[in-house]
Amino acid sequence: MLADLVTDFTALRPLLTVPQPAPVRARLCRTAGQMAGMTAIVLHDSGNRRESRAWFATAARAATESGDLQLYAWVLAREAMVPLNYGAPKAAAGLADQARHAAGNRPTAAAVLAAAVAARAYALNHQPEQARQALTAADTLMDRLPESERSDTWLTYGEQKHHVHLSHAFTTLGDTGRAQESQQRALELSAPTSTMTRTLLTIDGAACAHHDGDTEQACHRTVDALTALPTDYRTGLVRRRALDRYEAIPAQHHHELAIRELRDVVAS
């Protein structure tokens, strides 16, 4: 997928270096912004953060020149997930807030995504009140989202995506009941081939078990989720989320068997 995206983007670039009628250039920039954003997402998911940020910057420039504020908001919201998933929730919240401002109050895919990502960032940043306000805003926008923006594409925002975001936000807030509801619904809506998504939801479920006092079960569930994956999948975002689970366990318990097993699998 990454190779195809970069090939298509490379083919598009020469068209942006020659004079074009304004409407044509706007459409070209919009397409370039979408392609660059999708490329950045694939790089992010595979753990290539530096390359991902560079492509997001390209996507933001193209979206700005296209004049499409919803595309610009989508780029910012997706870019916010880089620091969100790799230990910088304050930076993620700043980007998500910019995305919410750009998207405005209309019920669009970008607006719901921005609110949901902001909620996750606030939760990780130990701002529970702001997180719950953002979750309420995300749910309100989702309820009003037109059917045309609910399909399962890169740029739209369906129920499955919504519950994936809610799962992580509620898990981080320690609201394990609502987190588990979203995990179950997201798994029901996720295709069996959605390997990364299903694994991340399982790790969220393990985090809920840890929060509810069963750290041993949390470790076993995380280990089972990781060992069920091909080796090439135990990288990037999946490894980062599993490492977060290990690091959330107090050091005085790190000698216990289940926790050592988790450490070894994450390190392998």
C-alpha atoms as a PDB file:
ATOM      1  CA  MET A   1       0.000   0.000   0.000  1.00  0.00           C
ATOM      2  CA  LEU A   2       2.804   2.403   0.902  1.00  0.00           C
ATOM      3  CA  ALA A   3       4.592   1.761  -2.400  1.00  0.00           C
ATOM      4  CA  ASP A   4       1.384   2.368  -4.369  1.00  0.00           C
ATOM      5  CA  LEU A   5       0.664   5.622  -2.543  1.00  0.00           C
ATOM      6  CA  VAL A   6       4.166   6.995  -3.048  1.00  0.00           C
ATOM      7  CA  THR A   7       4.101   5.998  -6.720  1.00  0.00           C
ATOM      8  CA  ASP A   8       0.789   7.802  -7.259  1.00  0.00           C
ATOM      9  CA  PHE A   9       1.986  10.861  -5.367  1.00  0.00           C
ATOM     10  CA  THR A  10       5.185  10.965  -7.434  1.00  0.00           C
ATOM     11  CA  ALA A  11       3.119  10.827 -10.612  1.00  0.00           C
ATOM     12  CA  LEU A  12       1.000  13.736  -9.380  1.00  0.00           C
ATOM     13  CA  ARG A  13       3.867  16.062  -8.420  1.00  0.00           C
ATOM     14  CA  PRO A  14       4.816  17.273 -11.935  1.00  0.00           C
ATOM     15  CA  LEU A  15       1.263  18.558 -12.405  1.00  0.00           C
ATOM     16  CA  LEU A  16       1.795  20.901  -9.448  1.00  0.00           C
ATOM     17  CA  THR A  17       4.932  22.462 -10.943  1.00  0.00           C
ATOM     18  CA  VAL A  18       3.260  23.896 -14.042  1.00  0.00           C
ATOM     19  CA  PRO A  19       0.648  26.666 -14.287  1.00  0.00           C
ATOM     20  CA  GLN A  20      -2.931  25.424 -13.932  1.00  0.00           C
ATOM     21  CA  PRO A  21      -6.330  27.145 -13.796  1.00  0.00           C
ATOM     22  CA  ALA A  22      -7.144  27.928 -10.169  1.00  0.00           C
ATOM     23  CA  PRO A  23      -9.980  25.366  -9.843  1.00  0.00           C
ATOM     24  CA  VAL A  24      -7.790  22.644 -11.351  1.00  0.00           C
ATOM     25  CA  ARG A  25      -4.870  23.459  -9.038  1.00  0.00           C
ATOM     26  CA  ALA A  26      -7.184  23.405  -6.030  1.00  0.00           C
ATOM     27  CA  ARG A  27      -8.389  19.916  -6.972  1.00  0.00           C
ATOM     28  CA  LEU A  28      -4.808  18.738  -7.561  1.00  0.00           C
ATOM     29  CA  CYS A  29      -3.726  20.099  -4.176  1.00  0.00           C
ATOM     30  CA  ARG A  30      -6.684  18.420  -2.497  1.00  0.00           C
ATOM     31  CA  THR A  31      -5.760  15.078  -4.070  1.00  0.00           C
ATOM     32  CA  ALA A  32      -2.105  15.571  -3.127  1.00  0.00           C
ATOM     33  CA  GLY A  33      -3.129  16.358   0.455  1.00  0.00           C
ATOM     34  CA  GLN A  34      -5.218  13.202   0.667  1.00  0.00           C
ATOM     35  CA  MET A  35      -2.432  11.022  -0.758  1.00  0.00           C
ATOM     36  CA  ALA A  36       0.233  12.551   1.481  1.00  0.00           C
ATOM     37  CA  GLY A  37      -2.020  12.133   4.519  1.00  0.00           C
ATOM     38  CA  MET A  38      -2.665   8.473   3.740  1.00  0.00           C
ATOM     39  CA  THR A  39       1.057   7.890   3.250  1.00  0.00           C
ATOM     40  CA  ALA A  40       1.749   9.504   6.624  1.00  0.00           C
ATOM     41  CA  ILE A  41      -0.825   7.255   8.312  1.00  0.00           C
ATOM     42  CA  VAL A  42       0.771   4.071   6.947  1.00  0.00           C
ATOM     43  CA  LEU A  43       4.200   5.272   8.063  1.00  0.00           C
ATOM     44  CA  HIS A  44       2.838   6.115  11.518  1.00  0.00           C
ATOM     45  CA  ASP A  45       1.231   2.705  11.939  1.00  0.00           C
ATOM     46  CA  SER A  46       4.497   0.984  11.011  1.00  0.00           C
ATOM     47  CA  GLY A  47       6.473   3.041  13.526  1.00  0.00           C
ATOM     48  CA  ASN A  48       8.285   5.432  11.158  1.00  0.00           C
ATOM     49  CA  ARG A  49       7.519   8.579  13.118  1.00  0.00           C
ATOM     50  CA  ARG A  50      10.009  10.968  11.510  1.00  0.00           C
ATOM     51  CA  GLU A  51       8.923  10.074   7.972  1.00  0.00           C
ATOM     52  CA  SER A  52       5.297  10.217   9.061  1.00  0.00           C
ATOM     53  CA  ARG A  53       5.667  13.777  10.375  1.00  0.00           C
ATOM     54  CA  ALA A  54       7.330  14.875   7.121  1.00  0.00           C
ATOM     55  CA  TRP A  55       4.456  13.521   5.044  1.00  0.00           C
ATOM     56  CA  PHE A  56       1.903  15.115   7.377  1.00  0.00           C
ATOM     57  CA  ALA A  57       3.651  18.452   6.833  1.00  0.00           C
ATOM     58  CA  THR A  58       3.353  17.954   3.072  1.00  0.00           C
ATOM     59  CA  ALA A  59      -0.316  17.014   3.469  1.00  0.00           C
ATOM     60  CA  ALA A  60      -1.005  20.122   5.566  1.00  0.00           C
ATOM     61  CA  ARG A  61       0.605  22.413   2.988  1.00  0.00           C
ATOM     62  CA  ALA A  62      -1.377  20.839   0.165  1.00  0.00           C
ATOM     63  CA  ALA A  63      -4.626  20.981   2.149  1.00  0.00           C
ATOM     64  CA  THR A  64      -4.031  24.658   2.975  1.00  0.00           C
ATOM     65  CA  GLU A  65      -3.434  25.530  -0.668  1.00  0.00           C
ATOM     66  CA  SER A  66      -6.519  23.592  -1.736  1.00  0.00           C
ATOM     67  CA  GLY A  67      -8.672  25.763   0.533  1.00  0.00           C
ATOM     68  CA  ASP A  68     -10.411  22.653   1.941  1.00  0.00           C
ATOM     69  CA  LEU A  69     -10.661  23.303   5.689  1.00  0.00           C
ATOM     70  CA  GLN A  70     -12.163  19.880   6.379  1.00  0.00           C
ATOM     71  CA  LEU A  71      -9.200  18.194   4.721  1.00  0.00           C
ATOM     72  CA  TYR A  72      -6.820  20.419   6.694  1.00  0.00           C
ATOM     73  CA  ALA A  73      -8.646  19.493   9.928  1.00  0.00           C
ATOM     74  CA  TRP A  74      -8.458  15.790   9.014  1.00  0.00           C
ATOM     75  CA  VAL A  75      -4.695  16.064   8.417  1.00  0.00           C
ATOM     76  CA  LEU A  76      -4.131  17.791  11.774  1.00  0.00           C
ATOM     77  CA  ALA A  77      -6.297  15.277  13.650  1.00  0.00           C
ATOM     78  CA  ARG A  78      -4.499  12.338  12.088  1.00  0.00           C
ATOM     79  CA  GLU A  79      -1.117  13.976  12.733  1.00  0.00           C
ATOM     80  CA  ALA A  80      -2.101  14.399  16.391  1.00  0.00           C
ATOM     81  CA  MET A  81      -2.169  10.621  16.658  1.00  0.00           C
ATOM     82  CA  VAL A  82       1.616  10.469  16.180  1.00  0.00           C
ATOM     83  CA  PRO A  83       2.495  12.190  19.490  1.00  0.00           C
ATOM     84  CA  LEU A  84      -0.644  10.668  21.025  1.00  0.00           C
ATOM     85  CA  ASN A  85       0.585   7.133  20.405  1.00  0.00           C
ATOM     86  CA  TYR A  86       4.257   7.777  21.115  1.00  0.00           C
ATOM     87  CA  GLY A  87       4.286   9.485  24.487  1.00  0.00           C
ATOM     88  CA  ALA A  88       3.598  13.203  23.908  1.00  0.00           C
ATOM     89  CA  PRO A  89      -0.077  13.766  24.793  1.00  0.00           C
ATOM     90  CA  LYS A  90       0.357  17.511  25.361  1.00  0.00           C
ATOM     91  CA  ALA A  91       1.563  17.988  21.776  1.00  0.00           C
ATOM     92  CA  ALA A  92      -1.256  15.732  20.589  1.00  0.00           C
ATOM     93  CA  ALA A  93      -3.844  17.835  22.394  1.00  0.00           C
ATOM     94  CA  GLY A  94      -2.470  20.988  20.789  1.00  0.00           C
ATOM     95  CA  LEU A  95      -2.767  19.532  17.283  1.00  0.00           C
ATOM     96  CA  ALA A  96      -6.225  18.117  18.016  1.00  0.00           C
ATOM     97  CA  ASP A  97      -7.398  21.512  19.271  1.00  0.00           C
ATOM     98  CA  GLN A  98      -6.156  23.111  16.043  1.00  0.00           C
ATOM     99  CA  ALA A  99      -8.049  20.456  14.094  1.00  0.00           C
ATOM    100  CA  ARG A 100     -11.255  21.128  16.037  1.00  0.00           C
ATOM    101  CA  HIS A 101     -10.947  24.846  15.349  1.00  0.00           C
ATOM    102  CA  ALA A 102     -10.375  24.240  11.618  1.00  0.00           C
ATOM    103  CA  ALA A 103     -13.267  21.765  11.357  1.00  0.00           C
ATOM    104  CA  GLY A 104     -15.764  24.045  13.088  1.00  0.00           C
ATOM    105  CA  ASN A 105     -19.064  22.941  14.618  1.00  0.00           C
ATOM    106  CA  ARG A 106     -20.635  21.234  11.609  1.00  0.00           C
ATOM    107  CA  PRO A 107     -21.033  17.443  11.892  1.00  0.00           C
ATOM    108  CA  THR A 108     -18.244  16.298   9.575  1.00  0.00           C
ATOM    109  CA  ALA A 109     -15.936  13.308   9.682  1.00  0.00           C
ATOM    110  CA  ALA A 110     -12.991  15.592  10.458  1.00  0.00           C
ATOM    111  CA  ALA A 111     -14.846  17.292  13.311  1.00  0.00           C
ATOM    112  CA  VAL A 112     -15.774  13.996  15.007  1.00  0.00           C
ATOM    113  CA  LEU A 113     -12.257  12.632  14.551  1.00  0.00           C
ATOM    114  CA  ALA A 114     -10.700  15.781  16.002  1.00  0.00           C
ATOM    115  CA  ALA A 115     -12.928  15.672  19.085  1.00  0.00           C
ATOM    116  CA  ALA A 116     -12.279  11.965  19.649  1.00  0.00           C
ATOM    117  CA  VAL A 117      -8.510  12.360  19.314  1.00  0.00           C
ATOM    118  CA  ALA A 118      -8.598  15.375  21.640  1.00  0.00           C
ATOM    119  CA  ALA A 119     -10.439  13.269  24.224  1.00  0.00           C
ATOM    120  CA  ARG A 120      -7.747  10.600  24.071  1.00  0.00           C
ATOM    121  CA  ALA A 121      -4.985  13.203  24.380  1.00  0.00           C
ATOM    122  CA  TYR A 122      -6.635  14.903  27.363  1.00  0.00           C
ATOM    123  CA  ALA A 123      -7.127  11.535  29.070  1.00  0.00           C
ATOM    124  CA  LEU A 124      -3.444  10.664  28.637  1.00  0.00           C
ATOM    125  CA  ASN A 125      -2.521  14.140  29.853  1.00  0.00           C
ATOM    126  CA  HIS A 126      -4.458  13.607  33.113  1.00  0.00           C
ATOM    127  CA  GLN A 127      -7.185  16.110  32.214  1.00  0.00           C
ATOM    128  CA  PRO A 128     -10.295  13.982  32.804  1.00  0.00           C
ATOM    129  CA  GLU A 129     -12.820  16.831  32.749  1.00  0.00           C
ATOM    130  CA  GLN A 130     -11.594  18.102  29.371  1.00  0.00           C
ATOM    131  CA  ALA A 131     -11.486  14.517  28.084  1.00  0.00           C
ATOM    132  CA  ARG A 132     -15.108  13.878  29.006  1.00  0.00           C
ATOM    133  CA  GLN A 133     -16.192  17.176  27.456  1.00  0.00           C
ATOM    134  CA  ALA A 134     -14.456  16.192  24.224  1.00  0.00           C
ATOM    135  CA  LEU A 135     -16.066  12.750  24.350  1.00  0.00           C
ATOM    136  CA  THR A 136     -19.492  14.349  24.722  1.00  0.00           C
ATOM    137  CA  ALA A 137     -18.752  16.620  21.760  1.00  0.00           C
ATOM    138  CA  ALA A 138     -17.578  13.640  19.687  1.00  0.00           C
ATOM    139  CA  ASP A 139     -20.737  11.666  20.474  1.00  0.00           C
ATOM    140  CA  THR A 140     -22.970  14.654  19.669  1.00  0.00           C
ATOM    141  CA  LEU A 141     -21.262  15.205  16.334  1.00  0.00           C
ATOM    142  CA  MET A 142     -21.353  11.483  15.576  1.00  0.00           C
ATOM    143  CA  ASP A 143     -25.105  11.366  16.148  1.00  0.00           C
ATOM    144  CA  ARG A 144     -25.550  14.129  13.541  1.00  0.00           C
ATOM    145  CA  LEU A 145     -22.981  12.858  11.045  1.00  0.00           C
ATOM    146  CA  PRO A 146     -24.503  12.396   7.562  1.00  0.00           C
ATOM    147  CA  GLU A 147     -24.562   8.872   6.152  1.00  0.00           C
ATOM    148  CA  SER A 148     -22.312  10.041   3.304  1.00  0.00           C
ATOM    149  CA  GLU A 149     -19.485  10.557   5.834  1.00  0.00           C
ATOM    150  CA  ARG A 150     -19.965   7.277   7.722  1.00  0.00           C
ATOM    151  CA  SER A 151     -18.587   4.878   5.116  1.00  0.00           C
ATOM    152  CA  ASP A 152     -15.407   2.903   5.750  1.00  0.00           C
ATOM    153  CA  THR A 153     -12.773   4.931   3.907  1.00  0.00           C
ATOM    154  CA  TRP A 154      -9.599   6.796   4.840  1.00  0.00           C
ATOM    155  CA  LEU A 155     -11.356  10.164   4.951  1.00  0.00           C
ATOM    156  CA  THR A 156     -14.723   9.269   6.450  1.00  0.00           C
ATOM    157  CA  TYR A 157     -15.614   8.264  10.004  1.00  0.00           C
ATOM    158  CA  GLY A 158     -17.796   5.242  10.702  1.00  0.00           C
ATOM    159  CA  GLU A 159     -19.077   3.644  13.886  1.00  0.00           C
ATOM    160  CA  GLN A 160     -16.173   1.194  14.028  1.00  0.00           C
ATOM    161  CA  LYS A 161     -13.580   3.992  14.072  1.00  0.00           C
ATOM    162  CA  HIS A 162     -15.592   5.869  16.673  1.00  0.00           C
ATOM    163  CA  HIS A 163     -15.605   2.941  19.084  1.00  0.00           C
ATOM    164  CA  VAL A 164     -11.883   2.320  18.569  1.00  0.00           C
ATOM    165  CA  HIS A 165     -11.222   5.882  19.751  1.00  0.00           C
ATOM    166  CA  LEU A 166     -13.756   5.606  22.594  1.00  0.00           C
ATOM    167  CA  SER A 167     -12.163   2.357  23.732  1.00  0.00           C
ATOM    168  CA  HIS A 168      -8.773   3.990  24.203  1.00  0.00           C
ATOM    169  CA  ALA A 169     -10.175   7.160  25.776  1.00  0.00           C
ATOM    170  CA  PHE A 170     -12.350   5.342  28.319  1.00  0.00           C
ATOM    171  CA  THR A 171      -9.591   2.826  29.042  1.00  0.00           C
ATOM    172  CA  THR A 172      -7.190   5.667  29.820  1.00  0.00           C
ATOM    173  CA  LEU A 173      -9.792   7.371  32.012  1.00  0.00           C
ATOM    174  CA  GLY A 174     -10.279   4.130  33.954  1.00  0.00           C
ATOM    175  CA  ASP A 175     -13.942   3.897  32.935  1.00  0.00           C
ATOM    176  CA  THR A 176     -13.611   0.205  32.251  1.00  0.00           C
ATOM    177  CA  GLY A 177     -17.333  -0.468  31.844  1.00  0.00           C
ATOM    178  CA  ARG A 178     -17.773   1.964  28.975  1.00  0.00           C
ATOM    179  CA  ALA A 179     -14.387   1.003  27.553  1.00  0.00           C
ATOM    180  CA  GLN A 180     -15.389  -2.651  27.360  1.00  0.00           C
ATOM    181  CA  GLU A 181     -18.684  -1.740  25.690  1.00  0.00           C
ATOM    182  CA  SER A 182     -16.790   0.123  22.979  1.00  0.00           C
ATOM    183  CA  GLN A 183     -14.223  -2.675  22.643  1.00  0.00           C
ATOM    184  CA  GLN A 184     -16.957  -5.237  22.089  1.00  0.00           C
ATOM    185  CA  ARG A 185     -18.776  -3.085  19.545  1.00  0.00           C
ATOM    186  CA  ALA A 186     -15.571  -2.194  17.687  1.00  0.00           C
ATOM    187  CA  LEU A 187     -14.577  -5.868  17.482  1.00  0.00           C
ATOM    188  CA  GLU A 188     -18.030  -6.735  16.121  1.00  0.00           C
ATOM    189  CA  LEU A 189     -17.560  -4.128  13.386  1.00  0.00           C
ATOM    190  CA  SER A 190     -13.911  -4.940  12.592  1.00  0.00           C
ATOM    191  CA  ALA A 191     -13.114  -7.358   9.794  1.00  0.00           C
ATOM    192  CA  PRO A 192     -11.142 -10.490  10.768  1.00  0.00           C
ATOM    193  CA  THR A 193      -8.323  -9.151   8.577  1.00  0.00           C
ATOM    194  CA  SER A 194      -8.086  -5.901  10.607  1.00  0.00           C
ATOM    195  CA  THR A 195      -5.137  -7.349  12.482  1.00  0.00           C
ATOM    196  CA  MET A 196      -3.708  -4.187  14.037  1.00  0.00           C
ATOM    197  CA  THR A 197      -7.067  -2.769  15.126  1.00  0.00           C
ATOM    198  CA  ARG A 198      -8.206  -6.000  16.739  1.00  0.00           C
ATOM    199  CA  THR A 199      -4.883  -6.368  18.559  1.00  0.00           C
ATOM    200  CA  LEU A 200      -5.011  -2.808  19.898  1.00  0.00           C
ATOM    201  CA  LEU A 201      -8.566  -3.384  21.148  1.00  0.00           C
ATOM    202  CA  THR A 202      -7.411  -6.544  22.914  1.00  0.00           C
ATOM    203  CA  ILE A 203      -4.591  -4.609  24.567  1.00  0.00           C
ATOM    204  CA  ASP A 204      -7.117  -1.974  25.678  1.00  0.00           C
ATOM    205  CA  GLY A 205      -9.116  -4.800  27.233  1.00  0.00           C
ATOM    206  CA  ALA A 206      -5.984  -5.989  29.021  1.00  0.00           C
ATOM    207  CA  ALA A 207      -5.437  -2.476  30.365  1.00  0.00           C
ATOM    208  CA  CYS A 208      -8.986  -2.555  31.754  1.00  0.00           C
ATOM    209  CA  ALA A 209      -8.194  -5.825  33.537  1.00  0.00           C
ATOM    210  CA  HIS A 210      -5.093  -4.216  35.060  1.00  0.00           C
ATOM    211  CA  HIS A 211      -7.101  -1.191  36.181  1.00  0.00           C
ATOM    212  CA  ASP A 212      -9.672  -3.489  37.786  1.00  0.00           C
ATOM    213  CA  GLY A 213      -6.950  -5.240  39.772  1.00  0.00           C
ATOM    214  CA  ASP A 214      -6.073  -8.317  37.732  1.00  0.00           C
ATOM    215  CA  THR A 215      -2.573  -7.530  36.496  1.00  0.00           C
ATOM    216  CA  GLU A 216      -1.744 -11.176  35.836  1.00  0.00           C
ATOM    217  CA  GLN A 217      -4.703 -11.557  33.482  1.00  0.00           C
ATOM    218  CA  ALA A 218      -3.759  -8.263  31.811  1.00  0.00           C
ATOM    219  CA  CYS A 219      -0.276  -9.586  31.089  1.00  0.00           C
ATOM    220  CA  HIS A 220      -1.555 -12.923  29.793  1.00  0.00           C
ATOM    221  CA  ARG A 221      -4.045 -11.229  27.472  1.00  0.00           C
ATOM    222  CA  THR A 222      -1.380  -8.898  26.090  1.00  0.00           C
ATOM    223  CA  VAL A 223       1.102 -11.736  25.599  1.00  0.00           C
ATOM    224  CA  ASP A 224      -1.538 -13.853  23.849  1.00  0.00           C
ATOM    225  CA  ALA A 225      -2.437 -10.955  21.552  1.00  0.00           C
ATOM    226  CA  LEU A 226       1.198 -10.355  20.598  1.00  0.00           C
ATOM    227  CA  THR A 227       2.217 -13.985  20.130  1.00  0.00           C
ATOM    228  CA  ALA A 228      -0.804 -14.548  17.868  1.00  0.00           C
ATOM    229  CA  LEU A 229       0.678 -11.999  15.460  1.00  0.00           C
ATOM    230  CA  PRO A 230       3.276 -12.664  12.771  1.00  0.00           C
ATOM    231  CA  THR A 231       6.632 -11.288  13.911  1.00  0.00           C
ATOM    232  CA  ASP A 232       6.497  -8.398  11.424  1.00  0.00           C
ATOM    233  CA  TYR A 233       3.318  -7.116  13.080  1.00  0.00           C
ATOM    234  CA  ARG A 234       4.900  -6.824  16.539  1.00  0.00           C
ATOM    235  CA  THR A 235       6.380  -3.434  15.713  1.00  0.00           C
ATOM    236  CA  GLY A 236       5.357   0.182  15.557  1.00  0.00           C
ATOM    237  CA  LEU A 237       2.101   1.082  17.238  1.00  0.00           C
ATOM    238  CA  VAL A 238       1.290  -2.432  18.480  1.00  0.00           C
ATOM    239  CA  ARG A 239       4.649  -2.737  20.246  1.00  0.00           C
ATOM    240  CA  ARG A 240       4.317   0.774  21.679  1.00  0.00           C
ATOM    241  CA  ARG A 241       0.887   0.033  23.157  1.00  0.00           C
ATOM    242  CA  ALA A 242       2.096  -3.269  24.650  1.00  0.00           C
ATOM    243  CA  LEU A 243       5.127  -1.499  26.108  1.00  0.00           C
ATOM    244  CA  ASP A 244       2.784   1.051  27.676  1.00  0.00           C
ATOM    245  CA  ARG A 245       1.010  -1.836  29.404  1.00  0.00           C
ATOM    246  CA  TYR A 246       4.293  -3.146  30.792  1.00  0.00           C
ATOM    247  CA  GLU A 247       5.450   0.277  31.959  1.00  0.00           C
ATOM    248  CA  ALA A 248       2.129   0.892  33.732  1.00  0.00           C
ATOM    249  CA  ILE A 249       2.897  -1.967  36.130  1.00  0.00           C
ATOM    250  CA  PRO A 250       4.753  -0.838  39.297  1.00  0.00           C
ATOM    251  CA  ALA A 251       8.419  -1.841  39.278  1.00  0.00           C
ATOM    252  CA  GLN A 252       8.107  -3.903  42.463  1.00  0.00           C
ATOM    253  CA  HIS A 253       6.000  -6.425  40.515  1.00  0.00           C
ATOM    254  CA  HIS A 254       8.348  -6.793  37.568  1.00  0.00           C
ATOM    255  CA  HIS A 255       9.872  -9.980  39.020  1.00  0.00           C
ATOM    256  CA  GLU A 256       6.547 -11.859  38.744  1.00  0.00           C
ATOM    257  CA  LEU A 257       6.320 -14.537  36.063  1.00  0.00           C
ATOM    258  CA  ALA A 258       3.449 -13.116  33.992  1.00  0.00           C
ATOM    259  CA  ILE A 259       5.075  -9.679  33.908  1.00  0.00           C
ATOM    260  CA  ARG A 260       8.463 -11.134  32.924  1.00  0.00           C
ATOM    261  CA  GLU A 261       6.741 -12.984  30.084  1.00  0.00           C
ATOM    262  CA  LEU A 262       5.207  -9.744  28.876  1.00  0.00           C
ATOM    263  CA  ARG A 263       8.577  -7.984  29.042  1.00  0.00           C
ATOM    264  CA  ASP A 264      10.239 -10.750  27.040  1.00  0.00           C
ATOM    265  CA  VAL A 265       7.577 -10.764  24.317  1.00  0.00           C
ATOM    266  CA  VAL A 266       7.687  -6.965  23.966  1.00  0.00           C
ATOM    267  CA  ALA A 267      11.478  -7.073  23.768  1.00  0.00           C
ATOM    268  CA  SER A 268      11.595  -9.864  21.185  1.00  0.00           C
END
